[in-house]
Amino acid sequence: MDNNDFWIALATAAGLVFVLEGAIYALFPQQMKNMMVQIMSMPASNIRKGGLIAAFIGCAIVWFIRG
């Protein structure tokens, strides 16, 4: 994969993140507001752990698909 392919893949991935995030907020606005209220009461360490787990799963998916 050359440098141009990398940037195209990165831009595509970023675009897909916006599509998925936007769709969730558009389809379930009240549930997203409720979730945000719940997150505000969670300890930062739990949110960090969840983010790290999500990042690890995302890397694993990319590794298996692109590997």
N, C-alpha and C. Protein backbone atom coordinates (compact mmCIF):
# COMPACT_ATOMS: atom_id res chain seq x y z
N MET A 1 0.85 -1.17 0.00
CA MET A 1 0.00 0.00 0.00
C MET A 1 0.89 1.23 0.00
N ASP A 2 0.68 2.11 -0.96
CA ASP A 2 1.51 3.31 -1.00
C ASP A 2 0.89 4.40 -0.12
N ASN A 3 1.57 5.51 -0.02
CA ASN A 3 1.18 6.60 0.88
C ASN A 3 -0.20 7.14 0.55
N ASN A 4 -0.53 7.26 -0.72
CA ASN A 4 -1.83 7.77 -1.12
C ASN A 4 -2.96 6.83 -0.68
N ASP A 5 -2.75 5.53 -0.81
CA ASP A 5 -3.76 4.56 -0.38
C ASP A 5 -4.01 4.67 1.12
N PHE A 6 -2.95 4.92 1.89
CA PHE A 6 -3.09 5.07 3.34
C PHE A 6 -4.02 6.23 3.67
N TRP A 7 -3.81 7.37 3.04
CA TRP A 7 -4.62 8.55 3.34
C TRP A 7 -6.06 8.36 2.88
N ILE A 8 -6.25 7.67 1.78
CA ILE A 8 -7.61 7.37 1.32
C ILE A 8 -8.32 6.46 2.31
N ALA A 9 -7.62 5.44 2.80
CA ALA A 9 -8.19 4.52 3.77
C ALA A 9 -8.48 5.25 5.09
N LEU A 10 -7.59 6.12 5.52
CA LEU A 10 -7.79 6.86 6.76
C LEU A 10 -8.99 7.80 6.64
N ALA A 11 -9.11 8.51 5.53
CA ALA A 11 -10.24 9.41 5.32
C ALA A 11 -11.55 8.62 5.23
N THR A 12 -11.52 7.46 4.60
CA THR A 12 -12.71 6.61 4.52
C THR A 12 -13.14 6.15 5.90
N ALA A 13 -12.17 5.72 6.71
CA ALA A 13 -12.48 5.28 8.07
C ALA A 13 -13.06 6.42 8.90
N ALA A 14 -12.47 7.60 8.79
CA ALA A 14 -12.99 8.75 9.54
C ALA A 14 -14.41 9.09 9.08
N GLY A 15 -14.65 9.02 7.79
CA GLY A 15 -15.99 9.28 7.28
C GLY A 15 -17.00 8.28 7.80
N LEU A 16 -16.61 7.02 7.87
CA LEU A 16 -17.52 5.99 8.40
C LEU A 16 -17.82 6.22 9.87
N VAL A 17 -16.84 6.70 10.64
CA VAL A 17 -17.09 7.02 12.04
C VAL A 17 -18.16 8.10 12.14
N PHE A 18 -18.05 9.14 11.32
CA PHE A 18 -19.06 10.21 11.33
C PHE A 18 -20.43 9.68 10.92
N VAL A 19 -20.48 8.81 9.94
CA VAL A 19 -21.77 8.24 9.50
C VAL A 19 -22.41 7.44 10.64
N LEU A 20 -21.64 6.57 11.28
CA LEU A 20 -22.18 5.74 12.35
C LEU A 20 -22.59 6.57 13.56
N GLU A 21 -21.73 7.49 13.97
CA GLU A 21 -22.07 8.35 15.12
C GLU A 21 -23.30 9.19 14.81
N GLY A 22 -23.33 9.79 13.64
CA GLY A 22 -24.47 10.63 13.27
C GLY A 22 -25.76 9.84 13.20
N ALA A 23 -25.69 8.63 12.68
CA ALA A 23 -26.89 7.79 12.59
C ALA A 23 -27.43 7.44 13.97
N ILE A 24 -26.54 7.15 14.91
CA ILE A 24 -26.98 6.81 16.27
C ILE A 24 -27.67 8.00 16.91
N TYR A 25 -27.07 9.19 16.78
CA TYR A 25 -27.68 10.38 17.37
C TYR A 25 -28.99 10.74 16.67
N ALA A 26 -29.07 10.55 15.36
CA ALA A 26 -30.29 10.88 14.62
C ALA A 26 -31.42 9.90 14.92
N LEU A 27 -31.09 8.64 15.06
CA LEU A 27 -32.12 7.62 15.28
C LEU A 27 -32.58 7.51 16.73
N PHE A 28 -31.67 7.78 17.67
CA PHE A 28 -31.96 7.59 19.09
C PHE A 28 -31.54 8.79 19.93
N PRO A 29 -32.09 9.97 19.65
CA PRO A 29 -31.60 11.16 20.37
C PRO A 29 -31.87 11.12 21.88
N GLN A 30 -33.05 10.67 22.29
CA GLN A 30 -33.36 10.66 23.72
C GLN A 30 -32.50 9.63 24.46
N GLN A 31 -32.30 8.48 23.86
CA GLN A 31 -31.47 7.46 24.49
C GLN A 31 -30.02 7.93 24.62
N MET A 32 -29.55 8.69 23.63
CA MET A 32 -28.18 9.21 23.70
C MET A 32 -28.07 10.24 24.83
N LYS A 33 -29.09 11.07 25.01
CA LYS A 33 -29.08 12.03 26.12
C LYS A 33 -29.07 11.29 27.45
N ASN A 34 -29.88 10.25 27.58
CA ASN A 34 -29.91 9.45 28.81
C ASN A 34 -28.56 8.80 29.08
N MET A 35 -27.93 8.29 28.02
CA MET A 35 -26.62 7.65 28.19
C MET A 35 -25.58 8.67 28.66
N MET A 36 -25.63 9.88 28.11
CA MET A 36 -24.67 10.91 28.51
C MET A 36 -24.82 11.29 29.98
N VAL A 37 -26.07 11.33 30.46
CA VAL A 37 -26.31 11.61 31.88
C VAL A 37 -25.71 10.49 32.73
N GLN A 38 -25.88 9.25 32.31
CA GLN A 38 -25.32 8.12 33.04
C GLN A 38 -23.79 8.17 33.04
N ILE A 39 -23.21 8.53 31.91
CA ILE A 39 -21.74 8.59 31.81
C ILE A 39 -21.19 9.66 32.75
N MET A 40 -21.91 10.76 32.91
CA MET A 40 -21.44 11.83 33.79
C MET A 40 -21.29 11.35 35.23
N SER A 41 -22.05 10.35 35.63
CA SER A 41 -21.96 9.85 37.01
C SER A 41 -20.94 8.73 37.17
N MET A 42 -20.35 8.29 36.08
CA MET A 42 -19.36 7.20 36.15
C MET A 42 -17.98 7.75 36.50
N PRO A 43 -17.18 6.95 37.21
CA PRO A 43 -15.80 7.37 37.47
C PRO A 43 -15.01 7.42 36.16
N ALA A 44 -14.08 8.36 36.09
CA ALA A 44 -13.27 8.52 34.88
C ALA A 44 -12.50 7.25 34.55
N SER A 45 -12.09 6.51 35.56
CA SER A 45 -11.32 5.29 35.31
C SER A 45 -12.15 4.26 34.55
N ASN A 46 -13.45 4.17 34.85
CA ASN A 46 -14.31 3.24 34.12
C ASN A 46 -14.48 3.65 32.66
N ILE A 47 -14.62 4.96 32.43
CA ILE A 47 -14.75 5.46 31.07
C ILE A 47 -13.46 5.20 30.30
N ARG A 48 -12.31 5.41 30.95
CA ARG A 48 -11.02 5.16 30.32
C ARG A 48 -10.87 3.69 29.95
N LYS A 49 -11.24 2.80 30.87
CA LYS A 49 -11.15 1.36 30.60
C LYS A 49 -12.03 0.98 29.42
N GLY A 50 -13.24 1.52 29.38
CA GLY A 50 -14.14 1.24 28.26
C GLY A 50 -13.56 1.72 26.94
N GLY A 51 -12.95 2.92 26.96
CA GLY A 51 -12.32 3.45 25.75
C GLY A 51 -11.15 2.59 25.30
N LEU A 52 -10.35 2.14 26.24
CA LEU A 52 -9.21 1.28 25.89
C LEU A 52 -9.67 -0.06 25.32
N ILE A 53 -10.71 -0.62 25.92
CA ILE A 53 -11.26 -1.88 25.40
C ILE A 53 -11.79 -1.69 23.99
N ALA A 54 -12.53 -0.60 23.75
CA ALA A 54 -13.06 -0.33 22.42
C ALA A 54 -11.93 -0.13 21.41
N ALA A 55 -10.87 0.59 21.81
CA ALA A 55 -9.73 0.81 20.92
C ALA A 55 -9.04 -0.52 20.60
N PHE A 56 -8.89 -1.38 21.60
CA PHE A 56 -8.26 -2.68 21.38
C PHE A 56 -9.10 -3.53 20.42
N ILE A 57 -10.40 -3.56 20.63
CA ILE A 57 -11.27 -4.33 19.74
C ILE A 57 -11.19 -3.78 18.31
N GLY A 58 -11.20 -2.45 18.18
CA GLY A 58 -11.08 -1.85 16.85
C GLY A 58 -9.77 -2.21 16.17
N CYS A 59 -8.67 -2.17 16.93
CA CYS A 59 -7.37 -2.56 16.36
C CYS A 59 -7.37 -4.02 15.95
N ALA A 60 -7.98 -4.87 16.76
CA ALA A 60 -8.04 -6.29 16.43
C ALA A 60 -8.84 -6.53 15.16
N ILE A 61 -9.94 -5.83 15.01
CA ILE A 61 -10.75 -5.98 13.80
C ILE A 61 -9.95 -5.57 12.57
N VAL A 62 -9.30 -4.40 12.66
CA VAL A 62 -8.48 -3.93 11.55
C VAL A 62 -7.36 -4.91 11.25
N TRP A 63 -6.72 -5.44 12.31
CA TRP A 63 -5.61 -6.39 12.14
C TRP A 63 -6.09 -7.63 11.37
N PHE A 64 -7.24 -8.17 11.77
CA PHE A 64 -7.73 -9.38 11.10
C PHE A 64 -8.18 -9.11 9.68
N ILE A 65 -8.80 -7.97 9.44
CA ILE A 65 -9.28 -7.66 8.09
C ILE A 65 -8.13 -7.35 7.16
N ARG A 66 -7.19 -6.52 7.63
CA ARG A 66 -6.09 -6.06 6.78
C ARG A 66 -4.91 -7.02 6.77
N GLY A 67 -4.85 -7.93 7.76
CA GLY A 67 -3.71 -8.83 7.93
C GLY A 67 -3.55 -9.78 6.83
